[in-house]
Amino acid sequence: ALQISLLAQVTVAQSVQRTHIIHPLKLEQVKVND
Protein backbone atom coordinates (compact mmCIF):
# COMPACT_ATOMS: atom_id res chain seq x y z
CA ALA A 1 0.00 0.00 0.00
CA LEU A 2 2.85 2.35 0.85
CA GLN A 3 4.52 1.65 -2.49
CA ILE A 4 1.26 2.27 -4.31
CA SER A 5 0.75 5.49 -2.35
CA LEU A 6 4.28 6.66 -3.09
CA LEU A 7 3.87 5.74 -6.75
CA ALA A 8 0.63 7.69 -6.89
CA GLN A 9 2.32 10.69 -5.26
CA VAL A 10 5.19 10.51 -7.75
CA THR A 11 2.72 10.24 -10.64
CA VAL A 12 0.78 13.26 -9.41
CA ALA A 13 4.00 15.20 -8.84
CA GLN A 14 5.25 14.33 -12.31
CA SER A 15 1.96 15.40 -13.90
CA VAL A 16 2.04 18.68 -11.97
CA GLN A 17 5.67 19.30 -12.90
CA ARG A 18 5.25 18.44 -16.58
CA THR A 19 6.49 21.13 -18.92
CA HIS A 20 5.98 21.47 -22.64
CA ILE A 21 7.31 24.83 -23.65
CA ILE A 22 5.84 26.59 -26.65
CA HIS A 23 6.68 30.01 -28.03
CA PRO A 24 4.30 32.89 -28.71
CA LEU A 25 5.03 35.03 -31.75
CA LYS A 26 6.79 38.35 -31.89
CA LEU A 27 4.52 41.29 -32.64
CA GLU A 28 6.14 41.89 -36.02
CA GLN A 29 5.18 38.34 -37.06
CA VAL A 30 1.43 38.99 -36.77
CA LYS A 31 -0.92 41.46 -38.38
CA VAL A 32 -4.45 41.66 -36.99
CA ASN A 33 -7.28 42.20 -39.44
CA ASP A 34 -10.35 41.32 -37.44
PDB file of all heavy atoms in Angstrom:
ATOM      1  N   ALA A   1       0.835  -1.211   0.000  1.00  0.00           N
ATOM      2  CA  ALA A   1       0.000   0.000   0.000  1.00  0.00           C
ATOM      3  C   ALA A   1       0.862   1.251   0.000  1.00  0.00           C
ATOM      4  O   ALA A   1       0.567   2.238  -0.683  1.00  0.00           O
ATOM      5  CB  ALA A   1      -0.921  -0.010   1.223  1.00  0.00           C
ATOM      6  N   LEU A   2       1.956   1.191   0.800  1.00  0.00           N
ATOM      7  CA  LEU A   2       2.853   2.346   0.855  1.00  0.00           C
ATOM      8  C   LEU A   2       3.504   2.601  -0.488  1.00  0.00           C
ATOM      9  O   LEU A   2       3.613   3.741  -0.942  1.00  0.00           O
ATOM     10  CB  LEU A   2       3.920   2.105   1.925  1.00  0.00           C
ATOM     11  CG  LEU A   2       4.944   3.244   2.145  1.00  0.00           C
ATOM     12  CD1 LEU A   2       4.218   4.520   2.549  1.00  0.00           C
ATOM     13  CD2 LEU A   2       5.963   2.837   3.200  1.00  0.00           C
ATOM     14  N   GLN A   3       3.928   1.492  -1.167  1.00  0.00           N
ATOM     15  CA  GLN A   3       4.525   1.647  -2.490  1.00  0.00           C
ATOM     16  C   GLN A   3       3.534   2.241  -3.475  1.00  0.00           C
ATOM     17  O   GLN A   3       3.870   3.120  -4.269  1.00  0.00           O
ATOM     18  CB  GLN A   3       5.019   0.281  -2.983  1.00  0.00           C
ATOM     19  CG  GLN A   3       6.238  -0.251  -2.245  1.00  0.00           C
ATOM     20  CD  GLN A   3       6.667  -1.609  -2.767  1.00  0.00           C
ATOM     21  OE1 GLN A   3       6.364  -1.947  -3.916  1.00  0.00           O
ATOM     22  NE2 GLN A   3       7.350  -2.380  -1.947  1.00  0.00           N
ATOM     23  N   ILE A   4       2.293   1.741  -3.412  1.00  0.00           N
ATOM     24  CA  ILE A   4       1.256   2.270  -4.310  1.00  0.00           C
ATOM     25  C   ILE A   4       1.024   3.743  -4.030  1.00  0.00           C
ATOM     26  O   ILE A   4       0.914   4.572  -4.936  1.00  0.00           O
ATOM     27  CB  ILE A   4      -0.050   1.472  -4.151  1.00  0.00           C
ATOM     28  CG1 ILE A   4       0.144   0.043  -4.668  1.00  0.00           C
ATOM     29  CG2 ILE A   4      -1.200   2.161  -4.873  1.00  0.00           C
ATOM     30  CD1 ILE A   4      -1.029  -0.874  -4.387  1.00  0.00           C
ATOM     31  N   SER A   5       0.968   4.087  -2.723  1.00  0.00           N
ATOM     32  CA  SER A   5       0.753   5.486  -2.347  1.00  0.00           C
ATOM     33  C   SER A   5       1.887   6.371  -2.847  1.00  0.00           C
ATOM     34  O   SER A   5       1.658   7.447  -3.408  1.00  0.00           O
ATOM     35  CB  SER A   5       0.629   5.600  -0.827  1.00  0.00           C
ATOM     36  OG  SER A   5       0.548   6.942  -0.426  1.00  0.00           O
ATOM     37  N   LEU A   6       3.135   5.873  -2.631  1.00  0.00           N
ATOM     38  CA  LEU A   6       4.278   6.662  -3.087  1.00  0.00           C
ATOM     39  C   LEU A   6       4.278   6.799  -4.600  1.00  0.00           C
ATOM     40  O   LEU A   6       4.579   7.869  -5.141  1.00  0.00           O
ATOM     41  CB  LEU A   6       5.579   6.007  -2.616  1.00  0.00           C
ATOM     42  CG  LEU A   6       5.861   6.077  -1.104  1.00  0.00           C
ATOM     43  CD1 LEU A   6       7.078   5.228  -0.758  1.00  0.00           C
ATOM     44  CD2 LEU A   6       6.073   7.522  -0.664  1.00  0.00           C
ATOM     45  N   LEU A   7       3.924   5.697  -5.297  1.00  0.00           N
ATOM     46  CA  LEU A   7       3.869   5.741  -6.754  1.00  0.00           C
ATOM     47  C   LEU A   7       2.827   6.740  -7.226  1.00  0.00           C
ATOM     48  O   LEU A   7       3.057   7.515  -8.156  1.00  0.00           O
ATOM     49  CB  LEU A   7       3.548   4.345  -7.309  1.00  0.00           C
ATOM     50  CG  LEU A   7       3.437   4.230  -8.840  1.00  0.00           C
ATOM     51  CD1 LEU A   7       4.781   4.603  -9.485  1.00  0.00           C
ATOM     52  CD2 LEU A   7       3.032   2.819  -9.246  1.00  0.00           C
ATOM     53  N   ALA A   8       1.683   6.746  -6.529  1.00  0.00           N
ATOM     54  CA  ALA A   8       0.628   7.689  -6.892  1.00  0.00           C
ATOM     55  C   ALA A   8       1.093   9.118  -6.678  1.00  0.00           C
ATOM     56  O   ALA A   8       0.847  10.009  -7.498  1.00  0.00           O
ATOM     57  CB  ALA A   8      -0.635   7.419  -6.070  1.00  0.00           C
ATOM     58  N   GLN A   9       1.823   9.343  -5.537  1.00  0.00           N
ATOM     59  CA  GLN A   9       2.317  10.687  -5.264  1.00  0.00           C
ATOM     60  C   GLN A   9       3.313  11.125  -6.327  1.00  0.00           C
ATOM     61  O   GLN A   9       3.306  12.268  -6.781  1.00  0.00           O
ATOM     62  CB  GLN A   9       2.961  10.728  -3.883  1.00  0.00           C
ATOM     63  CG  GLN A   9       1.968  10.566  -2.728  1.00  0.00           C
ATOM     64  CD  GLN A   9       2.661  10.532  -1.384  1.00  0.00           C
ATOM     65  OE1 GLN A   9       3.717  11.141  -1.205  1.00  0.00           O
ATOM     66  NE2 GLN A   9       2.080   9.824  -0.436  1.00  0.00           N
ATOM     67  N   VAL A  10       4.201  10.191  -6.720  1.00  0.00           N
ATOM     68  CA  VAL A  10       5.190  10.511  -7.752  1.00  0.00           C
ATOM     69  C   VAL A  10       4.493  10.828  -9.063  1.00  0.00           C
ATOM     70  O   VAL A  10       4.836  11.784  -9.769  1.00  0.00           O
ATOM     71  CB  VAL A  10       6.183   9.341  -7.926  1.00  0.00           C
ATOM     72  CG1 VAL A  10       7.035   9.549  -9.165  1.00  0.00           C
ATOM     73  CG2 VAL A  10       7.066   9.211  -6.686  1.00  0.00           C
ATOM     74  N   THR A  11       3.459  10.010  -9.390  1.00  0.00           N
ATOM     75  CA  THR A  11       2.719  10.237 -10.644  1.00  0.00           C
ATOM     76  C   THR A  11       2.065  11.604 -10.651  1.00  0.00           C
ATOM     77  O   THR A  11       2.138  12.350 -11.622  1.00  0.00           O
ATOM     78  CB  THR A  11       1.658   9.139 -10.837  1.00  0.00           C
ATOM     79  OG1 THR A  11       2.308   7.878 -10.860  1.00  0.00           O
ATOM     80  CG2 THR A  11       0.906   9.352 -12.135  1.00  0.00           C
ATOM     81  N   VAL A  12       1.417  11.945  -9.504  1.00  0.00           N
ATOM     82  CA  VAL A  12       0.781  13.262  -9.410  1.00  0.00           C
ATOM     83  C   VAL A  12       1.823  14.360  -9.520  1.00  0.00           C
ATOM     84  O   VAL A  12       1.665  15.348 -10.244  1.00  0.00           O
ATOM     85  CB  VAL A  12       0.001  13.389  -8.078  1.00  0.00           C
ATOM     86  CG1 VAL A  12      -0.442  14.828  -7.869  1.00  0.00           C
ATOM     87  CG2 VAL A  12      -1.198  12.445  -8.079  1.00  0.00           C
ATOM     88  N   ALA A  13       2.946  14.182  -8.796  1.00  0.00           N
ATOM     89  CA  ALA A  13       4.001  15.202  -8.837  1.00  0.00           C
ATOM     90  C   ALA A  13       4.535  15.375 -10.241  1.00  0.00           C
ATOM     91  O   ALA A  13       4.764  16.491 -10.703  1.00  0.00           O
ATOM     92  CB  ALA A  13       5.135  14.806  -7.886  1.00  0.00           C
ATOM     93  N   GLN A  14       4.727  14.238 -10.953  1.00  0.00           N
ATOM     94  CA  GLN A  14       5.247  14.332 -12.312  1.00  0.00           C
ATOM     95  C   GLN A  14       4.254  15.040 -13.224  1.00  0.00           C
ATOM     96  O   GLN A  14       4.645  15.835 -14.083  1.00  0.00           O
ATOM     97  CB  GLN A  14       5.555  12.928 -12.830  1.00  0.00           C
ATOM     98  CG  GLN A  14       6.798  12.306 -12.207  1.00  0.00           C
ATOM     99  CD  GLN A  14       7.011  10.876 -12.658  1.00  0.00           C
ATOM    100  OE1 GLN A  14       6.106  10.233 -13.173  1.00  0.00           O
ATOM    101  NE2 GLN A  14       8.224  10.375 -12.450  1.00  0.00           N
ATOM    102  N   SER A  15       2.956  14.763 -13.031  1.00  0.00           N
ATOM    103  CA  SER A  15       1.963  15.405 -13.897  1.00  0.00           C
ATOM    104  C   SER A  15       1.901  16.898 -13.622  1.00  0.00           C
ATOM    105  O   SER A  15       1.743  17.703 -14.531  1.00  0.00           O
ATOM    106  CB  SER A  15       0.587  14.759 -13.689  1.00  0.00           C
ATOM    107  OG  SER A  15       0.107  15.025 -12.377  1.00  0.00           O
ATOM    108  N   VAL A  16       2.062  17.261 -12.328  1.00  0.00           N
ATOM    109  CA  VAL A  16       2.044  18.676 -11.974  1.00  0.00           C
ATOM    110  C   VAL A  16       3.281  19.377 -12.527  1.00  0.00           C
ATOM    111  O   VAL A  16       3.218  20.513 -12.977  1.00  0.00           O
ATOM    112  CB  VAL A  16       1.958  18.832 -10.440  1.00  0.00           C
ATOM    113  CG1 VAL A  16       2.270  20.263 -10.032  1.00  0.00           C
ATOM    114  CG2 VAL A  16       0.577  18.430  -9.940  1.00  0.00           C
ATOM    115  N   GLN A  17       4.413  18.683 -12.515  1.00  0.00           N
ATOM    116  CA  GLN A  17       5.672  19.304 -12.896  1.00  0.00           C
ATOM    117  C   GLN A  17       5.972  19.164 -14.389  1.00  0.00           C
ATOM    118  O   GLN A  17       7.036  19.563 -14.843  1.00  0.00           O
ATOM    119  CB  GLN A  17       6.795  18.689 -12.059  1.00  0.00           C
ATOM    120  CG  GLN A  17       6.662  19.023 -10.576  1.00  0.00           C
ATOM    121  CD  GLN A  17       7.542  18.175  -9.690  1.00  0.00           C
ATOM    122  OE1 GLN A  17       8.399  17.452 -10.165  1.00  0.00           O
ATOM    123  NE2 GLN A  17       7.335  18.254  -8.384  1.00  0.00           N
ATOM    124  N   ARG A  18       5.035  18.596 -15.142  1.00  0.00           N
ATOM    125  CA  ARG A  18       5.247  18.445 -16.579  1.00  0.00           C
ATOM    126  C   ARG A  18       5.404  19.809 -17.235  1.00  0.00           C
ATOM    127  O   ARG A  18       4.661  20.741 -16.933  1.00  0.00           O
ATOM    128  CB  ARG A  18       4.042  17.722 -17.197  1.00  0.00           C
ATOM    129  CG  ARG A  18       4.099  17.594 -18.712  1.00  0.00           C
ATOM    130  CD  ARG A  18       2.782  17.066 -19.249  1.00  0.00           C
ATOM    131  NE  ARG A  18       1.698  18.006 -19.074  1.00  0.00           N
ATOM    132  CZ  ARG A  18       1.422  18.984 -19.929  1.00  0.00           C
ATOM    133  NH1 ARG A  18       2.174  19.169 -21.005  1.00  0.00           N
ATOM    134  NH2 ARG A  18       0.398  19.801 -19.716  1.00  0.00           N
ATOM    135  N   THR A  19       6.373  19.912 -18.114  1.00  0.00           N
ATOM    136  CA  THR A  19       6.491  21.129 -18.919  1.00  0.00           C
ATOM    137  C   THR A  19       6.512  20.749 -20.390  1.00  0.00           C
ATOM    138  O   THR A  19       7.021  19.690 -20.772  1.00  0.00           O
ATOM    139  CB  THR A  19       7.771  21.921 -18.576  1.00  0.00           C
ATOM    140  OG1 THR A  19       8.911  21.103 -18.839  1.00  0.00           O
ATOM    141  CG2 THR A  19       7.777  22.360 -17.131  1.00  0.00           C
ATOM    142  N   HIS A  20       5.932  21.603 -21.184  1.00  0.00           N
ATOM    143  CA  HIS A  20       5.977  21.467 -22.638  1.00  0.00           C
ATOM    144  C   HIS A  20       5.983  22.886 -23.173  1.00  0.00           C
ATOM    145  O   HIS A  20       4.939  23.507 -23.360  1.00  0.00           O
ATOM    146  CB  HIS A  20       4.761  20.691 -23.155  1.00  0.00           C
ATOM    147  CG  HIS A  20       4.750  20.520 -24.642  1.00  0.00           C
ATOM    148  ND1 HIS A  20       3.995  19.578 -25.279  1.00  0.00           N
ATOM    149  CD2 HIS A  20       5.406  21.185 -25.649  1.00  0.00           C
ATOM    150  CE1 HIS A  20       4.165  19.653 -26.590  1.00  0.00           C
ATOM    151  NE2 HIS A  20       5.026  20.643 -26.820  1.00  0.00           N
ATOM    152  N   ILE A  21       7.169  23.407 -23.361  1.00  0.00           N
ATOM    153  CA  ILE A  21       7.307  24.832 -23.652  1.00  0.00           C
ATOM    154  C   ILE A  21       7.000  25.114 -25.121  1.00  0.00           C
ATOM    155  O   ILE A  21       7.530  24.454 -26.021  1.00  0.00           O
ATOM    156  CB  ILE A  21       8.717  25.321 -23.287  1.00  0.00           C
ATOM    157  CG1 ILE A  21       8.900  25.217 -21.760  1.00  0.00           C
ATOM    158  CG2 ILE A  21       8.948  26.751 -23.758  1.00  0.00           C
ATOM    159  CD1 ILE A  21      10.290  25.556 -21.276  1.00  0.00           C
ATOM    160  N   ILE A  22       6.129  26.088 -25.312  1.00  0.00           N
ATOM    161  CA  ILE A  22       5.839  26.588 -26.651  1.00  0.00           C
ATOM    162  C   ILE A  22       6.152  28.078 -26.691  1.00  0.00           C
ATOM    163  O   ILE A  22       6.335  28.720 -25.648  1.00  0.00           O
ATOM    164  CB  ILE A  22       4.373  26.319 -27.061  1.00  0.00           C
ATOM    165  CG1 ILE A  22       3.389  26.995 -26.087  1.00  0.00           C
ATOM    166  CG2 ILE A  22       4.112  24.822 -27.135  1.00  0.00           C
ATOM    167  CD1 ILE A  22       1.928  26.828 -26.482  1.00  0.00           C
ATOM    168  N   HIS A  23       6.203  28.637 -27.879  1.00  0.00           N
ATOM    169  CA  HIS A  23       6.682  30.009 -28.035  1.00  0.00           C
ATOM    170  C   HIS A  23       5.615  30.874 -28.700  1.00  0.00           C
ATOM    171  O   HIS A  23       5.182  30.578 -29.815  1.00  0.00           O
ATOM    172  CB  HIS A  23       7.955  30.029 -28.882  1.00  0.00           C
ATOM    173  CG  HIS A  23       8.989  29.041 -28.425  1.00  0.00           C
ATOM    174  ND1 HIS A  23       9.772  29.239 -27.308  1.00  0.00           N
ATOM    175  CD2 HIS A  23       9.349  27.828 -28.920  1.00  0.00           C
ATOM    176  CE1 HIS A  23      10.575  28.208 -27.140  1.00  0.00           C
ATOM    177  NE2 HIS A  23      10.335  27.333 -28.102  1.00  0.00           N
ATOM    178  N   PRO A  24       5.186  31.947 -28.036  1.00  0.00           N
ATOM    179  CA  PRO A  24       4.304  32.895 -28.709  1.00  0.00           C
ATOM    180  C   PRO A  24       5.078  33.640 -29.782  1.00  0.00           C
ATOM    181  O   PRO A  24       6.314  33.601 -29.831  1.00  0.00           O
ATOM    182  CB  PRO A  24       3.868  33.835 -27.578  1.00  0.00           C
ATOM    183  CG  PRO A  24       4.978  33.761 -26.585  1.00  0.00           C
ATOM    184  CD  PRO A  24       5.528  32.360 -26.674  1.00  0.00           C
ATOM    185  N   LEU A  25       4.361  34.331 -30.654  1.00  0.00           N
ATOM    186  CA  LEU A  25       5.026  35.033 -31.750  1.00  0.00           C
ATOM    187  C   LEU A  25       5.460  36.431 -31.329  1.00  0.00           C
ATOM    188  O   LEU A  25       4.939  37.013 -30.375  1.00  0.00           O
ATOM    189  CB  LEU A  25       4.085  35.134 -32.951  1.00  0.00           C
ATOM    190  CG  LEU A  25       3.610  33.818 -33.573  1.00  0.00           C
ATOM    191  CD1 LEU A  25       2.935  34.087 -34.911  1.00  0.00           C
ATOM    192  CD2 LEU A  25       4.739  32.826 -33.755  1.00  0.00           C
ATOM    193  N   LYS A  26       6.428  36.951 -32.053  1.00  0.00           N
ATOM    194  CA  LYS A  26       6.787  38.355 -31.892  1.00  0.00           C
ATOM    195  C   LYS A  26       5.729  39.207 -32.580  1.00  0.00           C
ATOM    196  O   LYS A  26       5.079  38.774 -33.534  1.00  0.00           O
ATOM    197  CB  LYS A  26       8.160  38.611 -32.515  1.00  0.00           C
ATOM    198  CG  LYS A  26       9.287  37.822 -31.860  1.00  0.00           C
ATOM    199  CD  LYS A  26      10.604  38.041 -32.591  1.00  0.00           C
ATOM    200  CE  LYS A  26      11.720  37.222 -31.968  1.00  0.00           C
ATOM    201  NZ  LYS A  26      13.003  37.379 -32.703  1.00  0.00           N
ATOM    202  N   LEU A  27       5.579  40.434 -32.112  1.00  0.00           N
ATOM    203  CA  LEU A  27       4.523  41.286 -32.645  1.00  0.00           C
ATOM    204  C   LEU A  27       4.679  41.525 -34.142  1.00  0.00           C
ATOM    205  O   LEU A  27       3.688  41.595 -34.878  1.00  0.00           O
ATOM    206  CB  LEU A  27       4.496  42.622 -31.901  1.00  0.00           C
ATOM    207  CG  LEU A  27       4.030  42.544 -30.438  1.00  0.00           C
ATOM    208  CD1 LEU A  27       4.172  43.897 -29.767  1.00  0.00           C
ATOM    209  CD2 LEU A  27       2.592  42.047 -30.342  1.00  0.00           C
ATOM    210  N   GLU A  28       5.922  41.618 -34.602  1.00  0.00           N
ATOM    211  CA  GLU A  28       6.139  41.889 -36.019  1.00  0.00           C
ATOM    212  C   GLU A  28       5.782  40.691 -36.894  1.00  0.00           C
ATOM    213  O   GLU A  28       5.721  40.815 -38.132  1.00  0.00           O
ATOM    214  CB  GLU A  28       7.580  42.318 -36.275  1.00  0.00           C
ATOM    215  CG  GLU A  28       8.627  41.298 -35.890  1.00  0.00           C
ATOM    216  CD  GLU A  28       9.170  41.512 -34.495  1.00  0.00           C
ATOM    217  OE1 GLU A  28       8.449  42.075 -33.639  1.00  0.00           O
ATOM    218  OE2 GLU A  28      10.319  41.092 -34.247  1.00  0.00           O
ATOM    219  N   GLN A  29       5.534  39.536 -36.287  1.00  0.00           N
ATOM    220  CA  GLN A  29       5.179  38.342 -37.059  1.00  0.00           C
ATOM    221  C   GLN A  29       3.677  38.189 -37.272  1.00  0.00           C
ATOM    222  O   GLN A  29       3.248  37.258 -37.940  1.00  0.00           O
ATOM    223  CB  GLN A  29       5.722  37.091 -36.350  1.00  0.00           C
ATOM    224  CG  GLN A  29       7.245  37.031 -36.305  1.00  0.00           C
ATOM    225  CD  GLN A  29       7.758  35.913 -35.424  1.00  0.00           C
ATOM    226  OE1 GLN A  29       7.185  35.600 -34.380  1.00  0.00           O
ATOM    227  NE2 GLN A  29       8.850  35.277 -35.839  1.00  0.00           N
ATOM    228  N   VAL A  30       2.885  39.106 -36.701  1.00  0.00           N
ATOM    229  CA  VAL A  30       1.429  38.987 -36.768  1.00  0.00           C
ATOM    230  C   VAL A  30       0.824  40.328 -37.165  1.00  0.00           C
ATOM    231  O   VAL A  30       1.238  41.381 -36.675  1.00  0.00           O
ATOM    232  CB  VAL A  30       0.833  38.567 -35.410  1.00  0.00           C
ATOM    233  CG1 VAL A  30      -0.662  38.284 -35.545  1.00  0.00           C
ATOM    234  CG2 VAL A  30       1.548  37.359 -34.846  1.00  0.00           C
ATOM    235  N   LYS A  31      -0.161  40.272 -38.017  1.00  0.00           N
ATOM    236  CA  LYS A  31      -0.923  41.458 -38.382  1.00  0.00           C
ATOM    237  C   LYS A  31      -2.397  41.151 -38.177  1.00  0.00           C
ATOM    238  O   LYS A  31      -2.949  40.243 -38.802  1.00  0.00           O
ATOM    239  CB  LYS A  31      -0.668  41.849 -39.851  1.00  0.00           C
ATOM    240  CG  LYS A  31      -1.395  43.111 -40.284  1.00  0.00           C
ATOM    241  CD  LYS A  31      -0.848  44.338 -39.565  1.00  0.00           C
ATOM    242  CE  LYS A  31      -1.505  45.615 -40.061  1.00  0.00           C
ATOM    243  NZ  LYS A  31      -1.027  46.808 -39.311  1.00  0.00           N
ATOM    244  N   VAL A  32      -3.038  41.890 -37.285  1.00  0.00           N
ATOM    245  CA  VAL A  32      -4.445  41.658 -36.988  1.00  0.00           C
ATOM    246  C   VAL A  32      -5.323  42.371 -38.004  1.00  0.00           C
ATOM    247  O   VAL A  32      -5.130  43.551 -38.300  1.00  0.00           O
ATOM    248  CB  VAL A  32      -4.790  42.140 -35.559  1.00  0.00           C
ATOM    249  CG1 VAL A  32      -6.294  42.075 -35.303  1.00  0.00           C
ATOM    250  CG2 VAL A  32      -4.038  41.306 -34.527  1.00  0.00           C
ATOM    251  N   ASN A  33      -6.262  41.637 -38.540  1.00  0.00           N
ATOM    252  CA  ASN A  33      -7.276  42.197 -39.440  1.00  0.00           C
ATOM    253  C   ASN A  33      -8.588  41.505 -39.093  1.00  0.00           C
ATOM    254  O   ASN A  33      -8.984  40.521 -39.713  1.00  0.00           O
ATOM    255  CB  ASN A  33      -6.906  41.958 -40.904  1.00  0.00           C
ATOM    256  CG  ASN A  33      -7.905  42.575 -41.865  1.00  0.00           C
ATOM    257  OD1 ASN A  33      -8.723  43.404 -41.468  1.00  0.00           O
ATOM    258  ND2 ASN A  33      -7.867  42.147 -43.118  1.00  0.00           N
ATOM    259  N   ASP A  34      -9.245  42.029 -38.067  1.00  0.00           N
ATOM    260  CA  ASP A  34     -10.349  41.317 -37.440  1.00  0.00           C
ATOM    261  C   ASP A  34     -11.557  42.233 -37.272  1.00  0.00           C
ATOM    262  O   ASP A  34     -11.417  43.390 -36.857  1.00  0.00           O
ATOM    263  CB  ASP A  34      -9.892  40.795 -36.076  1.00  0.00           C
ATOM    264  CG  ASP A  34     -10.940  39.955 -35.387  1.00  0.00           C
ATOM    265  OD1 ASP A  34     -11.104  38.778 -35.774  1.00  0.00           O
ATOM    266  OD2 ASP A  34     -11.598  40.476 -34.468  1.00  0.00           O
TER     267      ASP A  34
END
